Amino acid sequence: MALELTDHWLWDHWICDDGDRYHLFFLRASRALHDPERRHFRASMGHAVSNDARTWELLPDALVHSDGPAFDDKAIWTGSTIVKPDGVMRVFYTGISRAEDGLVQRIGWADSIDGVTFERTCDAPLEADARWYERRETDVSGAEHWRDPFVFMHEERWHMLITARAKGAEHYGAGVIGHAVSDDLDHWHVGPPLTSPSVFGQLEVSQSRSVDGHHLLVFSCGDDMKAEAGPGGVWIAEGEGPLGPWDVDGARYVRPEHLYAGQLLQLRDGGWVFTGFENIVNGEFVGAAPDLLPWADVELLPRGGH
């Protein structure tokens, strides 16, 4: 069933399979804020579990903001979750701080032995490298974009895909997939982006997935952050391998269009499913997680398509 909270909005979410249960992690903020646009600076990370990835049991929140001063003492934003080789569950996440009014994004992580209680284990957060990435916008929001870590293993190394912006690129085309690598999950080395500036100002909440022989880059971009008119939402770009290169300019967008922060997940039966939070419907923000959609039922349309 879908997950909708009566007292909280729920938006970006992702699922980790520990081999026994599926774990759903999600951003949440109180509906008492009234204006859903205020949710971003009040976000914590919710947590639920399921035996079938369809019926969810709520657990205590995985993470809330630090007491500080710290890089994550204002809010917790999107990430991804893996089971480490030693069986410990690690959640990677984005943190923003009060000291910078939430404008600078950094990446940290926390571990759980029991799959319920998470303890921060990050000595120093991962930051954008000014050699390749824009550190602070000077013309629009003043923010530094370095968020949404997606971590996976490829060719015996750990890789992290990151929502970032290329240094010196035009605002509405600066979105790139940032990249970092690690041999032990604790020490990360930031490298150049895996994509080049294109028609997207942001490539949010990205994933690299290999589905039925197709290497797919999943990302999201709103219609207000694109260099051209047209729909915003979840986008799929095909590539040559798990690290690309991907045809970002040729990306197709996902229908149903009201979903955002799209995620692809392979279930234990081998089938692929798609999810994303319910964003704007009939002019109102919904803030809920829908039922998982079979990937075969998701329609992909070209830019400008209907």
Protein backbone atom coordinates (compact mmCIF):
# COMPACT_ATOMS: atom_id res chain seq x y z
CA MET A 1 0.00 0.00 0.00
CA ALA A 2 1.00 3.58 -0.32
CA LEU A 3 2.50 5.36 2.68
CA GLU A 4 0.80 8.60 3.64
CA LEU A 5 1.31 10.19 7.04
CA THR A 6 -1.57 12.14 8.56
CA ASP A 7 0.68 14.55 10.47
CA HIS A 8 3.74 14.76 8.21
CA TRP A 9 4.56 15.36 4.59
CA LEU A 10 6.69 12.63 3.07
CA TRP A 11 8.76 13.26 -0.03
CA ASP A 12 12.15 11.97 -1.33
CA HIS A 13 12.45 8.30 -0.37
CA TRP A 14 14.59 5.26 -1.14
CA ILE A 15 14.56 1.54 -0.31
CA CYS A 16 17.29 -0.83 0.89
CA ASP A 17 16.89 -4.62 0.99
CA ASP A 18 18.88 -6.20 3.86
CA GLY A 19 17.99 -9.71 2.69
CA ASP A 20 15.33 -10.09 5.38
CA ARG A 21 13.29 -6.91 5.21
CA TYR A 22 12.95 -3.94 2.91
CA HIS A 23 13.85 -0.63 4.58
CA LEU A 24 12.16 2.56 3.39
CA PHE A 25 13.89 5.82 4.25
CA PHE A 26 12.16 9.13 3.57
CA LEU A 27 12.30 12.83 4.21
CA ARG A 28 9.52 14.04 6.48
CA ALA A 29 8.36 17.31 8.03
CA SER A 30 5.33 18.29 10.06
CA ARG A 31 2.17 19.42 8.31
CA ALA A 32 1.88 21.95 11.16
CA LEU A 33 4.23 24.09 9.06
CA HIS A 34 1.14 24.67 6.83
CA ASP A 35 3.20 25.83 3.86
CA PRO A 36 4.90 22.78 2.25
CA GLU A 37 7.68 25.01 0.91
CA ARG A 38 8.88 25.38 4.51
CA ARG A 39 9.44 21.64 4.82
CA HIS A 40 12.96 21.60 3.36
CA PHE A 41 14.65 23.33 6.30
CA ARG A 42 12.70 21.19 8.82
CA ALA A 43 13.38 17.77 7.28
CA SER A 44 14.34 14.65 9.20
CA MET A 45 14.79 11.10 7.91
CA GLY A 46 11.90 8.74 8.57
CA HIS A 47 12.18 4.96 8.47
CA ALA A 48 9.80 2.07 7.86
CA VAL A 49 10.20 -1.67 7.18
CA SER A 50 8.31 -4.23 5.14
CA ASN A 51 8.46 -7.91 4.23
CA ASP A 52 7.10 -7.31 0.73
CA ALA A 53 7.99 -3.65 -0.08
CA ARG A 54 4.28 -2.83 -0.14
CA THR A 55 2.93 -2.82 3.43
CA TRP A 56 5.04 -0.66 5.72
CA GLU A 57 5.58 -0.58 9.50
CA LEU A 58 6.84 2.75 10.83
CA LEU A 59 9.98 2.72 12.98
CA PRO A 60 11.62 5.57 14.89
CA ASP A 61 13.21 8.20 12.66
CA ALA A 62 16.61 7.12 11.37
CA LEU A 63 18.15 10.60 11.72
CA VAL A 64 17.22 14.07 12.88
CA HIS A 65 19.41 17.17 12.75
CA SER A 66 22.41 17.31 15.07
CA ASP A 67 22.44 19.46 18.17
CA GLY A 68 25.42 21.22 16.62
CA PRO A 69 27.35 23.10 15.83
CA ALA A 70 27.73 20.65 12.94
CA PHE A 71 27.34 20.41 9.19
CA ASP A 72 23.91 18.80 9.70
CA ASP A 73 22.46 20.80 12.60
CA LYS A 74 19.65 22.39 10.56
CA ALA A 75 18.11 19.58 8.49
CA ILE A 76 18.71 16.14 7.00
CA TRP A 77 18.25 15.68 3.26
CA THR A 78 18.25 12.86 0.74
CA GLY A 79 20.72 10.01 0.47
CA SER A 80 20.93 6.26 -0.06
CA THR A 81 21.41 3.16 2.07
CA ILE A 82 23.59 0.08 1.68
CA VAL A 83 24.46 -3.01 3.72
CA LYS A 84 28.22 -3.00 4.27
CA PRO A 85 30.30 -6.15 3.78
CA ASP A 86 30.34 -6.62 7.58
CA GLY A 87 26.52 -6.64 7.70
CA VAL A 88 26.19 -3.16 9.20
CA MET A 89 23.65 -0.90 7.50
CA ARG A 90 24.97 2.50 6.44
CA VAL A 91 22.85 5.43 5.38
CA PHE A 92 24.52 8.23 3.40
CA TYR A 93 22.74 11.57 3.60
CA THR A 94 22.91 15.30 2.93
CA GLY A 95 23.27 17.75 5.79
CA ILE A 96 22.75 21.50 6.00
CA SER A 97 23.76 23.78 8.88
CA ARG A 98 22.35 26.70 10.80
CA ALA A 99 25.64 28.57 10.56
CA GLU A 100 25.19 28.97 6.80
CA ASP A 101 21.39 29.31 6.87
CA GLY A 102 21.15 25.94 5.14
CA LEU A 103 22.84 27.18 1.97
CA VAL A 104 25.84 24.82 1.90
CA GLN A 105 25.23 21.11 1.35
CA ARG A 106 27.60 18.41 2.57
CA ILE A 107 27.47 14.62 2.72
CA GLY A 108 27.78 12.42 5.79
CA TRP A 109 26.85 8.92 6.93
CA ALA A 110 25.56 6.94 9.89
CA ASP A 111 25.61 3.22 10.74
CA SER A 112 23.18 0.79 12.34
CA ILE A 113 23.95 -2.65 13.71
CA ASP A 114 20.31 -3.55 14.42
CA GLY A 115 18.72 -1.82 11.42
CA VAL A 116 16.80 0.54 13.71
CA THR A 117 19.14 2.86 15.63
CA PHE A 118 21.64 4.85 13.56
CA GLU A 119 24.80 6.46 14.92
CA ARG A 120 26.85 9.01 13.00
CA THR A 121 30.21 7.55 11.97
CA CYS A 122 31.47 10.29 9.65
CA ASP A 123 34.64 12.02 10.90
CA ALA A 124 34.39 14.82 8.36
CA PRO A 125 31.66 15.43 5.76
CA LEU A 126 32.36 15.17 2.06
CA GLU A 127 32.47 18.57 0.37
CA ALA A 128 32.42 19.80 -3.21
CA ASP A 129 35.84 20.26 -4.83
CA ALA A 130 36.25 23.73 -6.33
CA ARG A 131 38.42 22.36 -9.13
CA TRP A 132 35.33 21.00 -10.88
CA TYR A 133 32.24 22.08 -8.97
CA GLU A 134 30.47 25.33 -8.25
CA ARG A 135 30.92 26.15 -4.57
CA ARG A 136 28.39 28.93 -4.09
CA GLU A 137 25.93 30.34 -6.59
CA THR A 138 26.52 34.05 -7.00
CA ASP A 139 23.60 34.92 -9.27
CA VAL A 140 20.50 33.13 -7.97
CA SER A 141 20.04 31.33 -4.65
CA GLY A 142 23.50 31.62 -3.12
CA ALA A 143 23.40 27.88 -2.41
CA GLU A 144 26.13 25.31 -2.82
CA HIS A 145 24.74 22.16 -4.43
CA TRP A 146 26.33 18.92 -3.21
CA ARG A 147 23.67 16.43 -2.19
CA ASP A 148 21.70 13.22 -2.80
CA PRO A 149 24.55 10.68 -2.52
CA PHE A 150 23.84 7.39 -4.29
CA VAL A 151 26.38 4.73 -3.36
CA PHE A 152 26.97 1.44 -5.18
CA MET A 153 29.71 -1.09 -5.90
CA HIS A 154 31.25 -1.34 -9.38
CA GLU A 155 34.42 -3.19 -10.34
CA GLU A 156 35.41 -3.74 -6.69
CA ARG A 157 35.25 -0.06 -5.75
CA TRP A 158 32.53 1.97 -4.12
CA HIS A 159 31.17 4.85 -6.18
CA MET A 160 29.05 7.80 -5.11
CA LEU A 161 26.88 9.80 -7.52
CA ILE A 162 26.13 13.32 -6.29
CA THR A 163 23.81 16.15 -7.33
CA ALA A 164 26.23 18.93 -8.21
CA ARG A 165 26.75 21.91 -10.52
CA ALA A 166 29.63 22.41 -12.92
CA LYS A 167 32.05 25.24 -12.23
CA GLY A 168 31.60 28.17 -14.61
CA ALA A 169 28.58 26.79 -16.47
CA GLU A 170 25.43 28.70 -17.37
CA HIS A 171 22.87 28.57 -14.55
CA TYR A 172 20.09 26.63 -16.26
CA GLY A 173 22.46 24.10 -17.77
CA ALA A 174 25.00 23.59 -14.99
CA GLY A 175 23.58 20.41 -13.50
CA VAL A 176 26.03 17.49 -13.46
CA ILE A 177 26.49 14.15 -11.76
CA GLY A 178 29.29 14.57 -9.26
CA HIS A 179 31.48 11.59 -8.48
CA ALA A 180 33.52 10.21 -5.59
CA VAL A 181 35.18 6.82 -5.06
CA SER A 182 36.23 4.79 -2.03
CA ASP A 183 37.84 1.46 -1.24
CA ASP A 184 36.51 1.23 2.33
CA LEU A 185 33.35 3.43 2.48
CA ASP A 186 35.03 5.68 5.07
CA HIS A 187 37.59 7.56 2.97
CA TRP A 188 36.25 9.17 -0.18
CA HIS A 189 38.09 10.86 -3.05
CA VAL A 190 36.17 13.43 -5.08
CA GLY A 191 36.81 13.38 -8.83
CA PRO A 192 35.51 15.25 -11.88
CA PRO A 193 31.82 14.91 -12.81
CA LEU A 194 30.57 11.97 -14.81
CA THR A 195 28.41 14.18 -17.04
CA SER A 196 28.81 17.52 -18.80
CA PRO A 197 26.54 20.58 -18.60
CA SER A 198 23.39 20.05 -20.70
CA VAL A 199 19.82 21.35 -20.72
CA PHE A 200 19.33 20.63 -17.01
CA GLY A 201 20.17 23.01 -14.19
CA GLN A 202 20.00 20.17 -11.67
CA LEU A 203 20.19 16.38 -11.87
CA GLU A 204 18.63 15.57 -8.52
CA VAL A 205 18.37 12.27 -6.61
CA SER A 206 20.27 10.30 -9.23
CA GLN A 207 20.69 6.54 -9.50
CA SER A 208 22.68 4.30 -11.82
CA ARG A 209 20.74 1.12 -12.55
CA SER A 210 21.30 -1.70 -15.04
CA VAL A 211 17.91 -3.02 -16.11
CA ASP A 212 17.53 -5.80 -18.69
CA GLY A 213 20.82 -4.94 -20.33
CA HIS A 214 20.19 -1.18 -20.33
CA HIS A 215 22.42 1.11 -18.25
CA LEU A 216 20.08 3.80 -16.96
CA LEU A 217 20.73 7.08 -15.19
CA VAL A 218 17.66 8.10 -13.20
CA PHE A 219 17.44 11.74 -12.13
CA SER A 220 14.90 14.48 -11.50
CA CYS A 221 14.70 18.10 -12.62
CA GLY A 222 11.88 20.54 -12.13
CA ASP A 223 10.51 22.63 -14.99
CA ASP A 224 11.92 25.74 -13.28
CA MET A 225 15.49 24.43 -13.47
CA LYS A 226 15.76 23.60 -17.16
CA ALA A 227 17.33 25.57 -19.99
CA GLU A 228 14.28 24.98 -22.18
CA ALA A 229 10.51 25.02 -21.78
CA GLY A 230 8.78 21.74 -21.11
CA PRO A 231 7.82 19.37 -18.33
CA GLY A 232 9.79 18.79 -15.18
CA GLY A 233 9.88 15.54 -13.29
CA VAL A 234 11.78 12.27 -13.37
CA TRP A 235 14.16 11.65 -16.28
CA ILE A 236 15.87 8.54 -17.65
CA ALA A 237 19.08 8.70 -19.69
CA GLU A 238 20.62 5.62 -21.32
CA GLY A 239 24.34 4.98 -21.14
CA GLU A 240 27.18 2.66 -22.01
CA GLY A 241 27.86 1.39 -18.49
CA PRO A 242 27.13 1.91 -14.77
CA LEU A 243 29.38 4.99 -14.78
CA GLY A 244 28.22 6.24 -18.17
CA PRO A 245 28.70 8.01 -20.38
CA TRP A 246 24.98 8.69 -20.51
CA ASP A 247 22.99 10.53 -23.17
CA VAL A 248 21.68 13.22 -20.82
CA ASP A 249 20.59 15.50 -23.67
CA GLY A 250 18.49 12.61 -25.01
CA ALA A 251 16.91 11.80 -21.64
CA ARG A 252 13.24 10.87 -21.63
CA TYR A 253 10.80 11.83 -18.91
CA VAL A 254 8.61 9.53 -16.87
CA ARG A 255 4.86 9.41 -16.95
CA PRO A 256 3.01 9.69 -14.51
CA GLU A 257 4.45 13.20 -14.35
CA HIS A 258 3.24 14.07 -10.84
CA LEU A 259 5.92 11.83 -9.30
CA TYR A 260 9.30 13.32 -8.37
CA ALA A 261 12.64 12.06 -6.99
CA GLY A 262 12.18 8.82 -8.92
CA GLN A 263 13.78 5.58 -7.80
CA LEU A 264 14.25 2.19 -9.47
CA LEU A 265 14.40 -0.90 -7.27
CA GLN A 266 14.85 -4.59 -8.07
CA LEU A 267 12.72 -6.81 -5.85
CA ARG A 268 13.80 -10.23 -4.65
CA ASP A 269 11.77 -11.92 -7.38
CA GLY A 270 13.95 -10.15 -9.96
CA GLY A 271 11.29 -7.71 -11.11
CA TRP A 272 12.00 -3.98 -11.32
CA VAL A 273 9.65 -1.41 -9.79
CA PHE A 274 9.54 2.38 -9.82
CA THR A 275 8.61 4.88 -7.15
CA GLY A 276 8.73 8.61 -6.53
CA PHE A 277 6.87 10.88 -4.14
CA GLU A 278 3.52 12.36 -5.07
CA ASN A 279 4.34 15.98 -5.74
CA ILE A 280 1.78 18.45 -7.11
CA VAL A 281 -1.71 17.15 -7.92
CA ASN A 282 -4.46 19.61 -8.90
CA GLY A 283 -2.27 22.48 -7.73
CA GLU A 284 -1.71 21.06 -4.24
CA PHE A 285 1.36 19.40 -2.75
CA VAL A 286 0.51 15.82 -1.72
CA GLY A 287 3.65 14.59 0.05
CA ALA A 288 3.11 10.82 0.11
CA ALA A 289 4.67 7.63 -1.28
CA PRO A 290 2.48 5.76 -3.79
CA ASP A 291 2.27 2.05 -4.43
CA LEU A 292 5.29 0.70 -6.27
CA LEU A 293 4.78 0.68 -10.04
CA PRO A 294 6.03 -2.18 -12.23
CA TRP A 295 8.79 -0.70 -14.38
CA ALA A 296 7.17 -2.23 -17.46
CA ASP A 297 4.09 -0.06 -16.83
CA VAL A 298 6.04 3.22 -16.69
CA GLU A 299 5.87 5.31 -19.87
CA LEU A 300 8.96 7.17 -21.10
CA LEU A 301 8.43 10.19 -23.31
CA PRO A 302 10.99 12.28 -25.24
CA ARG A 303 11.59 15.92 -24.35
CA GLY A 304 8.74 17.86 -25.87
CA GLY A 305 6.62 14.69 -26.11
CA HIS A 306 3.03 14.38 -24.92
